[in-house]
Amino acid sequence: MKFIKPFRGVPKGEIYPKWYKAGEDCPAELETAAIDTGAVKTKARQQPGAQPLLGVDGDPAATGATDPAAGGAPETPLQ
């Protein structure tokens, strides 16, 4: 995995942070932080055997969920 933007992190075995440039390899120990900050590009992962959430006629936006913020009523009463 390579950095797509500058990233500052502490490599394994070091005590001081280092600046990594776009294009440099991301050390394995920094991958989680780099992903969280968007410093590396990742591919979307889907669980094996998982089905995408689809609504009416395969439309992902029409899942049947009601959005209370859009003026709809919640499916279950709030307590």
C-alpha atoms as a PDB file:
ATOM      1  CA  MET A   1       0.000   0.000   0.000  1.00  0.00           C
ATOM      2  CA  LYS A   2       1.389   3.407  -0.943  1.00  0.00           C
ATOM      3  CA  PHE A   3       0.675   6.824   0.523  1.00  0.00           C
ATOM      4  CA  ILE A   4      -1.399   9.155  -1.662  1.00  0.00           C
ATOM      5  CA  LYS A   5      -0.670  12.244   0.439  1.00  0.00           C
ATOM      6  CA  PRO A   6       1.893  13.250   3.095  1.00  0.00           C
ATOM      7  CA  PHE A   7       1.560  11.365   6.378  1.00  0.00           C
ATOM      8  CA  ARG A   8       3.340  11.651   9.713  1.00  0.00           C
ATOM      9  CA  GLY A   9       3.777   8.506  11.792  1.00  0.00           C
ATOM     10  CA  VAL A  10       6.165   6.659  14.090  1.00  0.00           C
ATOM     11  CA  PRO A  11       7.646   3.588  12.399  1.00  0.00           C
ATOM     12  CA  LYS A  12       8.128   0.381  14.380  1.00  0.00           C
ATOM     13  CA  GLY A  13      11.258   0.500  16.532  1.00  0.00           C
ATOM     14  CA  GLU A  14      11.523   4.308  16.409  1.00  0.00           C
ATOM     15  CA  ILE A  15      10.592   6.906  19.029  1.00  0.00           C
ATOM     16  CA  TYR A  16      10.228   9.951  16.803  1.00  0.00           C
ATOM     17  CA  PRO A  17       7.661  10.520  14.043  1.00  0.00           C
ATOM     18  CA  LYS A  18       8.699  10.581  10.411  1.00  0.00           C
ATOM     19  CA  TRP A  19       7.090  12.344   7.458  1.00  0.00           C
ATOM     20  CA  TYR A  20       6.192  10.024   4.582  1.00  0.00           C
ATOM     21  CA  LYS A  21       5.729  11.431   1.081  1.00  0.00           C
ATOM     22  CA  ALA A  22       3.030  10.496  -1.415  1.00  0.00           C
ATOM     23  CA  GLY A  23       4.224   7.464  -3.367  1.00  0.00           C
ATOM     24  CA  GLU A  24       6.230   5.933  -0.505  1.00  0.00           C
ATOM     25  CA  ASP A  25       5.294   2.504   0.826  1.00  0.00           C
ATOM     26  CA  CYS A  26       3.160   2.533   3.972  1.00  0.00           C
ATOM     27  CA  PRO A  27       4.607   0.403   6.793  1.00  0.00           C
ATOM     28  CA  ALA A  28       2.198  -2.319   7.957  1.00  0.00           C
ATOM     29  CA  GLU A  29       2.106  -0.927  11.511  1.00  0.00           C
ATOM     30  CA  LEU A  30       0.833   2.438  10.216  1.00  0.00           C
ATOM     31  CA  GLU A  31      -1.792   1.151   7.749  1.00  0.00           C
ATOM     32  CA  THR A  32      -4.781   1.511  10.099  1.00  0.00           C
ATOM     33  CA  ALA A  33      -3.953   5.123  10.951  1.00  0.00           C
ATOM     34  CA  ALA A  34      -3.177   5.911   7.309  1.00  0.00           C
ATOM     35  CA  ILE A  35      -6.522   4.445   6.185  1.00  0.00           C
ATOM     36  CA  ASP A  36      -8.400   6.369   8.885  1.00  0.00           C
ATOM     37  CA  THR A  37      -6.851   9.660   7.799  1.00  0.00           C
ATOM     38  CA  GLY A  38      -7.243   8.986   4.074  1.00  0.00           C
ATOM     39  CA  ALA A  39      -3.479   8.964   3.480  1.00  0.00           C
ATOM     40  CA  VAL A  40      -3.696   5.691   1.517  1.00  0.00           C
ATOM     41  CA  LYS A  41      -6.216   4.552  -1.051  1.00  0.00           C
ATOM     42  CA  THR A  42      -8.139   1.400  -0.201  1.00  0.00           C
ATOM     43  CA  LYS A  43     -10.555  -0.801  -2.051  1.00  0.00           C
ATOM     44  CA  ALA A  44     -14.003  -1.292  -0.547  1.00  0.00           C
ATOM     45  CA  ARG A  45     -14.172  -4.686   1.085  1.00  0.00           C
ATOM     46  CA  GLN A  46     -17.318  -6.773   1.177  1.00  0.00           C
ATOM     47  CA  GLN A  47     -17.774  -9.710   3.506  1.00  0.00           C
ATOM     48  CA  PRO A  48     -17.709 -13.044   1.655  1.00  0.00           C
ATOM     49  CA  GLY A  49     -21.261 -14.148   0.876  1.00  0.00           C
ATOM     50  CA  ALA A  50     -22.768 -10.795   1.928  1.00  0.00           C
ATOM     51  CA  GLN A  51     -25.540  -9.433  -0.248  1.00  0.00           C
ATOM     52  CA  PRO A  52     -25.787  -5.721  -0.997  1.00  0.00           C
ATOM     53  CA  LEU A  53     -28.692  -3.910   0.631  1.00  0.00           C
ATOM     54  CA  LEU A  54     -31.246  -3.333  -2.109  1.00  0.00           C
ATOM     55  CA  GLY A  55     -34.769  -2.023  -1.942  1.00  0.00           C
ATOM     56  CA  VAL A  56     -37.632  -2.019  -4.393  1.00  0.00           C
ATOM     57  CA  ASP A  57     -36.642  -3.244  -7.867  1.00  0.00           C
ATOM     58  CA  GLY A  58     -32.973  -3.386  -6.883  1.00  0.00           C
ATOM     59  CA  ASP A  59     -32.805   0.329  -6.085  1.00  0.00           C
ATOM     60  CA  PRO A  60     -30.391   0.793  -3.146  1.00  0.00           C
ATOM     61  CA  ALA A  61     -32.056   4.093  -2.221  1.00  0.00           C
ATOM     62  CA  ALA A  62     -35.488   2.467  -1.878  1.00  0.00           C
ATOM     63  CA  THR A  63     -34.789   0.215   1.101  1.00  0.00           C
ATOM     64  CA  GLY A  64     -38.129   0.982   2.709  1.00  0.00           C
ATOM     65  CA  ALA A  65     -36.495   2.783   5.609  1.00  0.00           C
ATOM     66  CA  THR A  66     -38.212   5.924   6.752  1.00  0.00           C
ATOM     67  CA  ASP A  67     -36.075   8.963   7.441  1.00  0.00           C
ATOM     68  CA  PRO A  68     -37.552  10.951  10.357  1.00  0.00           C
ATOM     69  CA  ALA A  69     -35.365  13.941   9.420  1.00  0.00           C
ATOM     70  CA  ALA A  70     -37.105  14.070   6.031  1.00  0.00           C
ATOM     71  CA  GLY A  71     -40.509  14.335   7.688  1.00  0.00           C
ATOM     72  CA  GLY A  72     -41.323  10.617   7.765  1.00  0.00           C
ATOM     73  CA  ALA A  73     -42.414   8.766  10.861  1.00  0.00           C
ATOM     74  CA  PRO A  74     -39.984   6.373  12.533  1.00  0.00           C
ATOM     75  CA  GLU A  75     -40.763   2.693  12.048  1.00  0.00           C
ATOM     76  CA  THR A  76     -40.893   2.105  15.813  1.00  0.00           C
ATOM     77  CA  PRO A  77     -42.149   4.589  18.384  1.00  0.00           C
ATOM     78  CA  LEU A  78     -39.435   6.384  20.324  1.00  0.00           C
ATOM     79  CA  GLN A  79     -39.375   5.684  24.018  1.00  0.00           C
END
